[in-house]
Amino acid sequence: MSGAFAGCGTPVRRSLTGFRDVRRLKELGLTESLPTGYRLSPRGRAVLAHLETPGPDEV
């Protein structure tokens, strides 16, 4: 989830902002909690695959 931390300022702010980002993704059902950290849920993987697929105007 390092992308959630990109461009967020100081290390303290970065960790707080990243935590909020991960919580928001979890609320949307896109991540699953692990004993240590997070991973994409099946729904999150489907959304990511859709976002990575070029549209008809991008080919």
PDB file of N, CA and C in Angstrom:
ATOM      1  N   MET A   1       0.816  -1.188   0.000  1.00  0.00           N
ATOM      2  CA  MET A   1       0.000   0.000   0.000  1.00  0.00           C
ATOM      3  C   MET A   1       0.860   1.253   0.000  1.00  0.00           C
ATOM      4  N   SER A   2       2.072   1.165  -0.474  1.00  0.00           N
ATOM      5  CA  SER A   2       2.940   2.335  -0.441  1.00  0.00           C
ATOM      6  C   SER A   2       2.386   3.486  -1.272  1.00  0.00           C
ATOM      7  N   GLY A   3       1.581   3.199  -2.285  1.00  0.00           N
ATOM      8  CA  GLY A   3       0.995   4.261  -3.082  1.00  0.00           C
ATOM      9  C   GLY A   3       0.085   5.166  -2.271  1.00  0.00           C
ATOM     10  N   ALA A   4      -0.482   4.644  -1.201  1.00  0.00           N
ATOM     11  CA  ALA A   4      -1.343   5.447  -0.342  1.00  0.00           C
ATOM     12  C   ALA A   4      -0.560   6.531   0.381  1.00  0.00           C
ATOM     13  N   PHE A   5       0.767   6.388   0.475  1.00  0.00           N
ATOM     14  CA  PHE A   5       1.587   7.334   1.202  1.00  0.00           C
ATOM     15  C   PHE A   5       2.265   8.359   0.301  1.00  0.00           C
ATOM     16  N   ALA A   6       2.116   8.274  -0.977  1.00  0.00           N
ATOM     17  CA  ALA A   6       2.858   9.138  -1.894  1.00  0.00           C
ATOM     18  C   ALA A   6       2.497  10.606  -1.710  1.00  0.00           C
ATOM     19  N   GLY A   7       3.520  11.431  -1.570  1.00  0.00           N
ATOM     20  CA  GLY A   7       3.334  12.877  -1.533  1.00  0.00           C
ATOM     21  C   GLY A   7       2.596  13.417  -0.330  1.00  0.00           C
ATOM     22  N   CYS A   8       2.737  12.805   0.833  1.00  0.00           N
ATOM     23  CA  CYS A   8       1.958  13.221   1.993  1.00  0.00           C
ATOM     24  C   CYS A   8       2.758  13.974   3.046  1.00  0.00           C
ATOM     25  N   GLY A   9       3.945  14.499   2.740  1.00  0.00           N
ATOM     26  CA  GLY A   9       4.658  15.346   3.692  1.00  0.00           C
ATOM     27  C   GLY A   9       5.547  14.601   4.656  1.00  0.00           C
ATOM     28  N   THR A  10       5.516  15.028   5.924  1.00  0.00           N
ATOM     29  CA  THR A  10       6.409  14.486   6.943  1.00  0.00           C
ATOM     30  C   THR A  10       6.079  13.035   7.267  1.00  0.00           C
ATOM     31  N   PRO A  11       7.045  12.297   7.851  1.00  0.00           N
ATOM     32  CA  PRO A  11       6.773  10.897   8.203  1.00  0.00           C
ATOM     33  C   PRO A  11       5.555  10.715   9.110  1.00  0.00           C
ATOM     34  N   VAL A  12       5.366  11.596  10.103  1.00  0.00           N
ATOM     35  CA  VAL A  12       4.204  11.453  10.988  1.00  0.00           C
ATOM     36  C   VAL A  12       2.923  11.657  10.192  1.00  0.00           C
ATOM     37  N   ARG A  13       2.883  12.720   9.415  1.00  0.00           N
ATOM     38  CA  ARG A  13       1.695  12.971   8.589  1.00  0.00           C
ATOM     39  C   ARG A  13       1.481  11.850   7.595  1.00  0.00           C
ATOM     40  N   ARG A  14       2.564  11.358   7.017  1.00  0.00           N
ATOM     41  CA  ARG A  14       2.461  10.286   6.030  1.00  0.00           C
ATOM     42  C   ARG A  14       1.810   9.063   6.659  1.00  0.00           C
ATOM     43  N   SER A  15       2.198   8.685   7.881  1.00  0.00           N
ATOM     44  CA  SER A  15       1.620   7.491   8.495  1.00  0.00           C
ATOM     45  C   SER A  15       0.147   7.716   8.851  1.00  0.00           C
ATOM     46  N   LEU A  16      -0.202   8.912   9.328  1.00  0.00           N
ATOM     47  CA  LEU A  16      -1.601   9.184   9.654  1.00  0.00           C
ATOM     48  C   LEU A  16      -2.462   9.221   8.399  1.00  0.00           C
ATOM     49  N   THR A  17      -1.971   9.865   7.362  1.00  0.00           N
ATOM     50  CA  THR A  17      -2.718   9.934   6.108  1.00  0.00           C
ATOM     51  C   THR A  17      -2.850   8.552   5.495  1.00  0.00           C
ATOM     52  N   GLY A  18      -1.772   7.784   5.520  1.00  0.00           N
ATOM     53  CA  GLY A  18      -1.821   6.425   4.981  1.00  0.00           C
ATOM     54  C   GLY A  18      -2.819   5.564   5.725  1.00  0.00           C
ATOM     55  N   PHE A  19      -2.864   5.718   7.053  1.00  0.00           N
ATOM     56  CA  PHE A  19      -3.829   4.971   7.854  1.00  0.00           C
ATOM     57  C   PHE A  19      -5.249   5.319   7.429  1.00  0.00           C
ATOM     58  N   ARG A  20      -5.521   6.607   7.240  1.00  0.00           N
ATOM     59  CA  ARG A  20      -6.861   7.022   6.801  1.00  0.00           C
ATOM     60  C   ARG A  20      -7.177   6.471   5.414  1.00  0.00           C
ATOM     61  N   ASP A  21      -6.191   6.480   4.523  1.00  0.00           N
ATOM     62  CA  ASP A  21      -6.397   5.946   3.173  1.00  0.00           C
ATOM     63  C   ASP A  21      -6.759   4.468   3.226  1.00  0.00           C
ATOM     64  N   VAL A  22      -6.018   3.703   4.031  1.00  0.00           N
ATOM     65  CA  VAL A  22      -6.288   2.268   4.147  1.00  0.00           C
ATOM     66  C   VAL A  22      -7.657   2.036   4.774  1.00  0.00           C
ATOM     67  N   ARG A  23      -8.018   2.823   5.785  1.00  0.00           N
ATOM     68  CA  ARG A  23      -9.347   2.687   6.404  1.00  0.00           C
ATOM     69  C   ARG A  23     -10.450   2.947   5.379  1.00  0.00           C
ATOM     70  N   ARG A  24     -10.250   3.948   4.530  1.00  0.00           N
ATOM     71  CA  ARG A  24     -11.256   4.265   3.500  1.00  0.00           C
ATOM     72  C   ARG A  24     -11.374   3.118   2.500  1.00  0.00           C
ATOM     73  N   LEU A  25     -10.234   2.562   2.085  1.00  0.00           N
ATOM     74  CA  LEU A  25     -10.268   1.419   1.168  1.00  0.00           C
ATOM     75  C   LEU A  25     -10.977   0.232   1.819  1.00  0.00           C
ATOM     76  N   LYS A  26     -10.743   0.028   3.116  1.00  0.00           N
ATOM     77  CA  LYS A  26     -11.411  -1.060   3.840  1.00  0.00           C
ATOM     78  C   LYS A  26     -12.918  -0.819   3.886  1.00  0.00           C
ATOM     79  N   GLU A  27     -13.345   0.424   4.131  1.00  0.00           N
ATOM     80  CA  GLU A  27     -14.773   0.749   4.148  1.00  0.00           C
ATOM     81  C   GLU A  27     -15.431   0.430   2.814  1.00  0.00           C
ATOM     82  N   LEU A  28     -14.682   0.584   1.739  1.00  0.00           N
ATOM     83  CA  LEU A  28     -15.198   0.294   0.399  1.00  0.00           C
ATOM     84  C   LEU A  28     -15.110  -1.187   0.051  1.00  0.00           C
ATOM     85  N   GLY A  29     -14.547  -1.986   0.959  1.00  0.00           N
ATOM     86  CA  GLY A  29     -14.420  -3.424   0.717  1.00  0.00           C
ATOM     87  C   GLY A  29     -13.274  -3.786  -0.203  1.00  0.00           C
ATOM     88  N   LEU A  30     -12.283  -2.895  -0.348  1.00  0.00           N
ATOM     89  CA  LEU A  30     -11.187  -3.124  -1.286  1.00  0.00           C
ATOM     90  C   LEU A  30      -9.954  -3.726  -0.628  1.00  0.00           C
ATOM     91  N   THR A  31      -9.894  -3.730   0.722  1.00  0.00           N
ATOM     92  CA  THR A  31      -8.761  -4.327   1.432  1.00  0.00           C
ATOM     93  C   THR A  31      -9.272  -5.252   2.526  1.00  0.00           C
ATOM     94  N   GLU A  32      -8.393  -6.158   2.962  1.00  0.00           N
ATOM     95  CA  GLU A  32      -8.670  -7.060   4.078  1.00  0.00           C
ATOM     96  C   GLU A  32      -7.579  -6.846   5.111  1.00  0.00           C
ATOM     97  N   SER A  33      -7.946  -6.878   6.389  1.00  0.00           N
ATOM     98  CA  SER A  33      -6.973  -6.747   7.464  1.00  0.00           C
ATOM     99  C   SER A  33      -6.279  -8.087   7.692  1.00  0.00           C
ATOM    100  N   LEU A  34      -4.987  -8.017   7.935  1.00  0.00           N
ATOM    101  CA  LEU A  34      -4.180  -9.174   8.305  1.00  0.00           C
ATOM    102  C   LEU A  34      -3.653  -8.938   9.720  1.00  0.00           C
ATOM    103  N   PRO A  35      -3.096  -9.965  10.370  1.00  0.00           N
ATOM    104  CA  PRO A  35      -2.510  -9.730  11.691  1.00  0.00           C
ATOM    105  C   PRO A  35      -1.490  -8.589  11.667  1.00  0.00           C
ATOM    106  N   THR A  36      -0.724  -8.500  10.595  1.00  0.00           N
ATOM    107  CA  THR A  36       0.222  -7.398  10.418  1.00  0.00           C
ATOM    108  C   THR A  36       0.018  -6.835   9.017  1.00  0.00           C
ATOM    109  N   GLY A  37      -0.698  -5.735   8.890  1.00  0.00           N
ATOM    110  CA  GLY A  37      -0.870  -5.076   7.600  1.00  0.00           C
ATOM    111  C   GLY A  37      -2.201  -5.361   6.931  1.00  0.00           C
ATOM    112  N   TYR A  38      -2.212  -5.127   5.628  1.00  0.00           N
ATOM    113  CA  TYR A  38      -3.416  -5.244   4.814  1.00  0.00           C
ATOM    114  C   TYR A  38      -3.073  -5.897   3.489  1.00  0.00           C
ATOM    115  N   ARG A  39      -4.103  -6.390   2.789  1.00  0.00           N
ATOM    116  CA  ARG A  39      -3.947  -6.866   1.418  1.00  0.00           C
ATOM    117  C   ARG A  39      -5.217  -6.531   0.648  1.00  0.00           C
ATOM    118  N   LEU A  40      -5.115  -6.553  -0.664  1.00  0.00           N
ATOM    119  CA  LEU A  40      -6.292  -6.307  -1.484  1.00  0.00           C
ATOM    120  C   LEU A  40      -7.275  -7.457  -1.334  1.00  0.00           C
ATOM    121  N   SER A  41      -8.534  -7.129  -1.254  1.00  0.00           N
ATOM    122  CA  SER A  41      -9.592  -8.134  -1.231  1.00  0.00           C
ATOM    123  C   SER A  41      -9.847  -8.567  -2.677  1.00  0.00           C
ATOM    124  N   PRO A  42     -10.619  -9.645  -2.887  1.00  0.00           N
ATOM    125  CA  PRO A  42     -10.978 -10.012  -4.262  1.00  0.00           C
ATOM    126  C   PRO A  42     -11.626  -8.841  -5.012  1.00  0.00           C
ATOM    127  N   ARG A  43     -12.470  -8.084  -4.317  1.00  0.00           N
ATOM    128  CA  ARG A  43     -13.099  -6.915  -4.931  1.00  0.00           C
ATOM    129  C   ARG A  43     -12.051  -5.866  -5.290  1.00  0.00           C
ATOM    130  N   GLY A  44     -11.085  -5.651  -4.396  1.00  0.00           N
ATOM    131  CA  GLY A  44     -10.004  -4.701  -4.661  1.00  0.00           C
ATOM    132  C   GLY A  44      -9.168  -5.108  -5.858  1.00  0.00           C
ATOM    133  N   ARG A  45      -8.881  -6.408  -5.986  1.00  0.00           N
ATOM    134  CA  ARG A  45      -8.119  -6.891  -7.147  1.00  0.00           C
ATOM    135  C   ARG A  45      -8.903  -6.683  -8.441  1.00  0.00           C
ATOM    136  N   ALA A  46     -10.225  -6.889  -8.385  1.00  0.00           N
ATOM    137  CA  ALA A  46     -11.062  -6.676  -9.571  1.00  0.00           C
ATOM    138  C   ALA A  46     -11.070  -5.202  -9.976  1.00  0.00           C
ATOM    139  N   VAL A  47     -11.172  -4.311  -8.998  1.00  0.00           N
ATOM    140  CA  VAL A  47     -11.153  -2.867  -9.291  1.00  0.00           C
ATOM    141  C   VAL A  47      -9.803  -2.479  -9.883  1.00  0.00           C
ATOM    142  N   LEU A  48      -8.714  -2.963  -9.293  1.00  0.00           N
ATOM    143  CA  LEU A  48      -7.377  -2.649  -9.804  1.00  0.00           C
ATOM    144  C   LEU A  48      -7.202  -3.156 -11.233  1.00  0.00           C
ATOM    145  N   ALA A  49      -7.654  -4.377 -11.507  1.00  0.00           N
ATOM    146  CA  ALA A  49      -7.550  -4.927 -12.865  1.00  0.00           C
ATOM    147  C   ALA A  49      -8.337  -4.068 -13.854  1.00  0.00           C
ATOM    148  N   HIS A  50      -9.512  -3.613 -13.430  1.00  0.00           N
ATOM    149  CA  HIS A  50     -10.332  -2.756 -14.297  1.00  0.00           C
ATOM    150  C   HIS A  50      -9.631  -1.420 -14.564  1.00  0.00           C
ATOM    151  N   LEU A  51      -9.036  -0.851 -13.531  1.00  0.00           N
ATOM    152  CA  LEU A  51      -8.358   0.437 -13.688  1.00  0.00           C
ATOM    153  C   LEU A  51      -7.105   0.321 -14.549  1.00  0.00           C
ATOM    154  N   GLU A  52      -6.469  -0.841 -14.553  1.00  0.00           N
ATOM    155  CA  GLU A  52      -5.247  -1.045 -15.344  1.00  0.00           C
ATOM    156  C   GLU A  52      -5.544  -1.409 -16.789  1.00  0.00           C
ATOM    157  N   THR A  53      -6.794  -1.736 -17.114  1.00  0.00           N
ATOM    158  CA  THR A  53      -7.174  -2.095 -18.481  1.00  0.00           C
ATOM    159  C   THR A  53      -7.383  -0.822 -19.284  1.00  0.00           C
ATOM    160  N   PRO A  54      -6.650  -0.666 -20.401  1.00  0.00           N
ATOM    161  CA  PRO A  54      -6.824   0.555 -21.205  1.00  0.00           C
ATOM    162  C   PRO A  54      -8.225   0.615 -21.819  1.00  0.00           C
ATOM    163  N   GLY A  55      -8.768   1.806 -21.851  1.00  0.00           N
ATOM    164  CA  GLY A  55     -10.059   2.020 -22.488  1.00  0.00           C
ATOM    165  C   GLY A  55      -9.900   2.087 -24.005  1.00  0.00           C
ATOM    166  N   PRO A  56     -11.009   2.133 -24.741  1.00  0.00           N
ATOM    167  CA  PRO A  56     -10.938   2.146 -26.205  1.00  0.00           C
ATOM    168  C   PRO A  56     -10.188   3.356 -26.750  1.00  0.00           C
ATOM    169  N   ASP A  57     -10.217   4.470 -26.051  1.00  0.00           N
ATOM    170  CA  ASP A  57      -9.525   5.662 -26.532  1.00  0.00           C
ATOM    171  C   ASP A  57      -8.056   5.697 -26.105  1.00  0.00           C
ATOM    172  N   GLU A  58      -7.605   4.708 -25.308  1.00  0.00           N
ATOM    173  CA  GLU A  58      -6.231   4.669 -24.818  1.00  0.00           C
ATOM    174  C   GLU A  58      -5.364   3.649 -25.549  1.00  0.00           C
ATOM    175  N   VAL A  59      -5.943   2.921 -26.485  1.00  0.00           N
ATOM    176  CA  VAL A  59      -5.180   1.871 -27.181  1.00  0.00           C
ATOM    177  C   VAL A  59      -4.370   2.434 -28.304  1.00  0.00           C
TER     178      VAL A  59
END
